[in-house]
Amino acid sequence: MDRIEIRNGATGELKTFKEKELLRKWIDEARSIKITPDPSQEKRTGFRYSANLYEGDQLKFGFTDSQIGNVYILPSEQLHNQLKSLFES
């Protein structure tokens, strides 16, 4: 990945991170987070943070702290904290 864009869902503020070592470390840590699909897949809106991972100008992977792809996930404080930590760095 060349960059990660994190958006704060409350403010709409977008931050971009491009430092290779920071990206590598963040991705390695994020991989260990256990994600559980929400048994209720009813449509909903909103998120606290979203992340888009890019290679060049191509979006490779995007998610929020409440949805990955078309699957809603149960709240994960670990995922939220991971996104918030990068956003606030």
N, C-alpha and C. Protein backbone atom coordinates (compact mmCIF):
# COMPACT_ATOMS: atom_id res chain seq x y z
N MET A 1 0.83 -1.17 0.00
CA MET A 1 0.00 0.00 0.00
C MET A 1 0.89 1.25 0.00
N ASP A 2 0.46 2.23 -0.77
CA ASP A 2 1.19 3.49 -0.85
C ASP A 2 0.65 4.55 0.09
N ARG A 3 -0.66 4.45 0.39
CA ARG A 3 -1.24 5.43 1.29
C ARG A 3 -2.54 4.90 1.88
N ILE A 4 -2.86 5.46 3.03
CA ILE A 4 -4.12 5.17 3.71
C ILE A 4 -4.80 6.50 3.96
N GLU A 5 -6.08 6.56 3.63
CA GLU A 5 -6.88 7.73 3.95
C GLU A 5 -7.88 7.33 5.03
N ILE A 6 -7.89 8.11 6.12
CA ILE A 6 -8.80 7.87 7.23
C ILE A 6 -9.74 9.06 7.32
N ARG A 7 -11.04 8.78 7.38
CA ARG A 7 -12.04 9.85 7.52
C ARG A 7 -12.73 9.72 8.87
N ASN A 8 -12.86 10.85 9.55
CA ASN A 8 -13.60 10.92 10.79
C ASN A 8 -15.08 11.08 10.42
N GLY A 9 -15.90 10.13 10.82
CA GLY A 9 -17.31 10.15 10.46
C GLY A 9 -18.09 11.26 11.14
N ALA A 10 -17.61 11.76 12.27
CA ALA A 10 -18.32 12.82 12.99
C ALA A 10 -18.07 14.19 12.37
N THR A 11 -16.84 14.41 11.90
CA THR A 11 -16.47 15.74 11.38
C THR A 11 -16.32 15.78 9.87
N GLY A 12 -16.12 14.62 9.25
CA GLY A 12 -15.87 14.56 7.81
C GLY A 12 -14.42 14.82 7.46
N GLU A 13 -13.60 15.13 8.46
CA GLU A 13 -12.19 15.42 8.21
C GLU A 13 -11.48 14.19 7.64
N LEU A 14 -10.64 14.41 6.64
CA LEU A 14 -9.89 13.35 5.97
C LEU A 14 -8.40 13.59 6.16
N LYS A 15 -7.70 12.54 6.56
CA LYS A 15 -6.24 12.61 6.70
C LYS A 15 -5.62 11.51 5.85
N THR A 16 -4.49 11.84 5.24
CA THR A 16 -3.78 10.89 4.38
C THR A 16 -2.43 10.58 4.99
N PHE A 17 -2.07 9.31 4.98
CA PHE A 17 -0.80 8.84 5.54
C PHE A 17 -0.04 8.09 4.46
N LYS A 18 1.25 8.48 4.27
CA LYS A 18 2.05 7.89 3.20
C LYS A 18 3.38 7.31 3.67
N GLU A 19 3.73 7.50 4.91
CA GLU A 19 5.02 7.03 5.42
C GLU A 19 5.04 5.50 5.43
N LYS A 20 5.97 4.92 4.66
CA LYS A 20 6.00 3.46 4.44
C LYS A 20 6.05 2.66 5.74
N GLU A 21 6.92 3.05 6.66
CA GLU A 21 7.07 2.29 7.91
C GLU A 21 5.80 2.38 8.75
N LEU A 22 5.18 3.53 8.80
CA LEU A 22 3.93 3.71 9.54
C LEU A 22 2.84 2.85 8.92
N LEU A 23 2.74 2.84 7.60
CA LEU A 23 1.73 2.03 6.91
C LEU A 23 1.93 0.54 7.17
N ARG A 24 3.18 0.11 7.06
CA ARG A 24 3.48 -1.32 7.28
C ARG A 24 3.10 -1.74 8.69
N LYS A 25 3.49 -0.94 9.67
CA LYS A 25 3.20 -1.25 11.07
C LYS A 25 1.69 -1.26 11.32
N TRP A 26 0.99 -0.26 10.80
CA TRP A 26 -0.45 -0.17 11.02
C TRP A 26 -1.17 -1.36 10.40
N ILE A 27 -0.81 -1.72 9.18
CA ILE A 27 -1.45 -2.86 8.50
C ILE A 27 -1.17 -4.16 9.25
N ASP A 28 0.08 -4.34 9.70
CA ASP A 28 0.42 -5.55 10.46
C ASP A 28 -0.43 -5.67 11.72
N GLU A 29 -0.61 -4.55 12.43
CA GLU A 29 -1.40 -4.57 13.65
C GLU A 29 -2.88 -4.79 13.34
N ALA A 30 -3.37 -4.19 12.28
CA ALA A 30 -4.79 -4.31 11.92
C ALA A 30 -5.14 -5.74 11.52
N ARG A 31 -4.19 -6.46 10.96
CA ARG A 31 -4.45 -7.84 10.52
C ARG A 31 -4.82 -8.76 11.68
N SER A 32 -4.37 -8.43 12.88
CA SER A 32 -4.62 -9.31 14.03
C SER A 32 -5.97 -9.05 14.71
N ILE A 33 -6.69 -8.04 14.25
CA ILE A 33 -7.97 -7.70 14.87
C ILE A 33 -9.05 -8.70 14.45
N LYS A 34 -9.75 -9.23 15.44
CA LYS A 34 -10.82 -10.18 15.16
C LYS A 34 -12.08 -9.39 14.81
N ILE A 35 -12.63 -9.69 13.66
CA ILE A 35 -13.84 -9.04 13.17
C ILE A 35 -14.96 -10.07 13.14
N THR A 36 -16.13 -9.68 13.67
CA THR A 36 -17.27 -10.59 13.72
C THR A 36 -18.43 -9.97 12.93
N PRO A 37 -18.95 -10.69 11.95
CA PRO A 37 -20.13 -10.19 11.23
C PRO A 37 -21.30 -9.99 12.20
N ASP A 38 -22.05 -8.94 12.00
CA ASP A 38 -23.24 -8.69 12.80
C ASP A 38 -24.33 -9.65 12.34
N PRO A 39 -24.95 -10.39 13.27
CA PRO A 39 -26.03 -11.29 12.86
C PRO A 39 -27.17 -10.55 12.16
N SER A 40 -27.38 -9.30 12.52
CA SER A 40 -28.40 -8.48 11.86
C SER A 40 -27.75 -7.70 10.74
N GLN A 41 -28.08 -8.04 9.53
CA GLN A 41 -27.49 -7.35 8.38
C GLN A 41 -28.46 -6.31 7.81
N GLU A 42 -29.32 -5.77 8.69
CA GLU A 42 -30.24 -4.72 8.25
C GLU A 42 -29.46 -3.47 7.87
N LYS A 43 -29.91 -2.80 6.82
CA LYS A 43 -29.23 -1.61 6.31
C LYS A 43 -29.15 -0.54 7.39
N ARG A 44 -28.01 0.15 7.43
CA ARG A 44 -27.80 1.23 8.38
C ARG A 44 -26.86 2.26 7.77
N THR A 45 -26.73 3.37 8.43
CA THR A 45 -25.85 4.44 7.94
C THR A 45 -24.95 4.89 9.07
N GLY A 46 -23.88 5.59 8.69
CA GLY A 46 -22.98 6.20 9.66
C GLY A 46 -21.80 5.32 10.04
N PHE A 47 -20.75 5.99 10.49
CA PHE A 47 -19.55 5.32 10.97
C PHE A 47 -18.75 6.32 11.79
N ARG A 48 -17.88 5.80 12.64
CA ARG A 48 -17.00 6.69 13.41
C ARG A 48 -15.74 7.00 12.60
N TYR A 49 -15.18 5.97 11.94
CA TYR A 49 -14.01 6.15 11.08
C TYR A 49 -14.13 5.24 9.88
N SER A 50 -13.58 5.70 8.76
CA SER A 50 -13.47 4.85 7.58
C SER A 50 -12.03 4.88 7.12
N ALA A 51 -11.64 3.84 6.40
CA ALA A 51 -10.27 3.76 5.89
C ALA A 51 -10.31 3.28 4.45
N ASN A 52 -9.49 3.92 3.61
CA ASN A 52 -9.28 3.48 2.23
C ASN A 52 -7.79 3.27 2.03
N LEU A 53 -7.43 2.10 1.52
CA LEU A 53 -6.04 1.76 1.28
C LEU A 53 -5.79 1.77 -0.21
N TYR A 54 -4.75 2.50 -0.62
CA TYR A 54 -4.45 2.70 -2.04
C TYR A 54 -3.08 2.17 -2.41
N GLU A 55 -3.01 1.70 -3.64
CA GLU A 55 -1.75 1.37 -4.30
C GLU A 55 -1.73 2.26 -5.53
N GLY A 56 -0.84 3.24 -5.53
CA GLY A 56 -0.89 4.25 -6.58
C GLY A 56 -2.20 5.01 -6.45
N ASP A 57 -2.90 5.17 -7.54
CA ASP A 57 -4.20 5.84 -7.50
C ASP A 57 -5.36 4.85 -7.41
N GLN A 58 -5.05 3.57 -7.28
CA GLN A 58 -6.08 2.54 -7.27
C GLN A 58 -6.46 2.15 -5.85
N LEU A 59 -7.77 2.27 -5.55
CA LEU A 59 -8.29 1.83 -4.26
C LEU A 59 -8.21 0.31 -4.20
N LYS A 60 -7.50 -0.22 -3.21
CA LYS A 60 -7.35 -1.66 -3.07
C LYS A 60 -8.31 -2.25 -2.05
N PHE A 61 -8.61 -1.45 -1.00
CA PHE A 61 -9.47 -1.97 0.06
C PHE A 61 -10.03 -0.80 0.85
N GLY A 62 -11.30 -0.83 1.12
CA GLY A 62 -11.93 0.21 1.91
C GLY A 62 -12.91 -0.40 2.90
N PHE A 63 -13.02 0.22 4.07
CA PHE A 63 -13.93 -0.28 5.10
C PHE A 63 -14.22 0.82 6.11
N THR A 64 -15.23 0.58 6.93
CA THR A 64 -15.52 1.47 8.05
C THR A 64 -15.44 0.63 9.32
N ASP A 65 -15.60 1.29 10.45
CA ASP A 65 -15.60 0.53 11.70
C ASP A 65 -16.93 -0.17 11.94
N SER A 66 -17.85 -0.09 10.98
CA SER A 66 -19.13 -0.80 11.11
C SER A 66 -19.46 -1.68 9.90
N GLN A 67 -18.64 -1.61 8.86
CA GLN A 67 -18.94 -2.38 7.65
C GLN A 67 -17.66 -2.66 6.86
N ILE A 68 -17.55 -3.90 6.40
CA ILE A 68 -16.46 -4.29 5.51
C ILE A 68 -17.10 -4.90 4.28
N GLY A 69 -16.86 -4.28 3.15
CA GLY A 69 -17.56 -4.71 1.93
C GLY A 69 -19.05 -4.50 2.12
N ASN A 70 -19.82 -5.53 1.85
CA ASN A 70 -21.28 -5.46 2.03
C ASN A 70 -21.72 -6.10 3.33
N VAL A 71 -20.79 -6.33 4.25
CA VAL A 71 -21.10 -7.02 5.50
C VAL A 71 -20.97 -6.06 6.67
N TYR A 72 -22.04 -5.92 7.43
CA TYR A 72 -21.99 -5.13 8.66
C TYR A 72 -21.31 -5.96 9.74
N ILE A 73 -20.51 -5.30 10.55
CA ILE A 73 -19.75 -6.01 11.59
C ILE A 73 -20.17 -5.52 12.97
N LEU A 74 -19.96 -6.38 13.96
CA LEU A 74 -20.22 -5.98 15.33
C LEU A 74 -19.17 -4.95 15.75
N PRO A 75 -19.55 -4.04 16.66
CA PRO A 75 -18.58 -3.03 17.11
C PRO A 75 -17.32 -3.70 17.67
N SER A 76 -16.18 -3.17 17.28
CA SER A 76 -14.89 -3.66 17.76
C SER A 76 -14.10 -2.45 18.27
N GLU A 77 -13.95 -2.40 19.59
CA GLU A 77 -13.17 -1.29 20.15
C GLU A 77 -11.73 -1.35 19.66
N GLN A 78 -11.21 -2.54 19.43
CA GLN A 78 -9.85 -2.69 18.94
C GLN A 78 -9.72 -2.05 17.55
N LEU A 79 -10.68 -2.32 16.67
CA LEU A 79 -10.65 -1.72 15.33
C LEU A 79 -10.84 -0.21 15.43
N HIS A 80 -11.80 0.23 16.24
CA HIS A 80 -12.03 1.66 16.42
C HIS A 80 -10.76 2.34 16.92
N ASN A 81 -10.13 1.76 17.93
CA ASN A 81 -8.91 2.36 18.49
C ASN A 81 -7.77 2.39 17.48
N GLN A 82 -7.68 1.38 16.65
CA GLN A 82 -6.65 1.32 15.62
C GLN A 82 -6.85 2.47 14.61
N LEU A 83 -8.07 2.67 14.17
CA LEU A 83 -8.38 3.74 13.22
C LEU A 83 -8.19 5.10 13.88
N LYS A 84 -8.69 5.26 15.08
CA LYS A 84 -8.57 6.54 15.80
C LYS A 84 -7.12 6.90 16.06
N SER A 85 -6.33 5.91 16.45
CA SER A 85 -4.92 6.15 16.73
C SER A 85 -4.17 6.67 15.50
N LEU A 86 -4.41 6.06 14.35
CA LEU A 86 -3.76 6.53 13.14
C LEU A 86 -4.28 7.94 12.77
N PHE A 87 -5.57 8.14 12.86
CA PHE A 87 -6.16 9.43 12.51
C PHE A 87 -5.57 10.54 13.38
N GLU A 88 -5.38 10.27 14.65
CA GLU A 88 -4.90 11.29 15.58
C GLU A 88 -3.37 11.42 15.61
N SER A 89 -2.67 10.58 14.87
CA SER A 89 -1.19 10.64 14.88
C SER A 89 -0.66 11.78 14.03
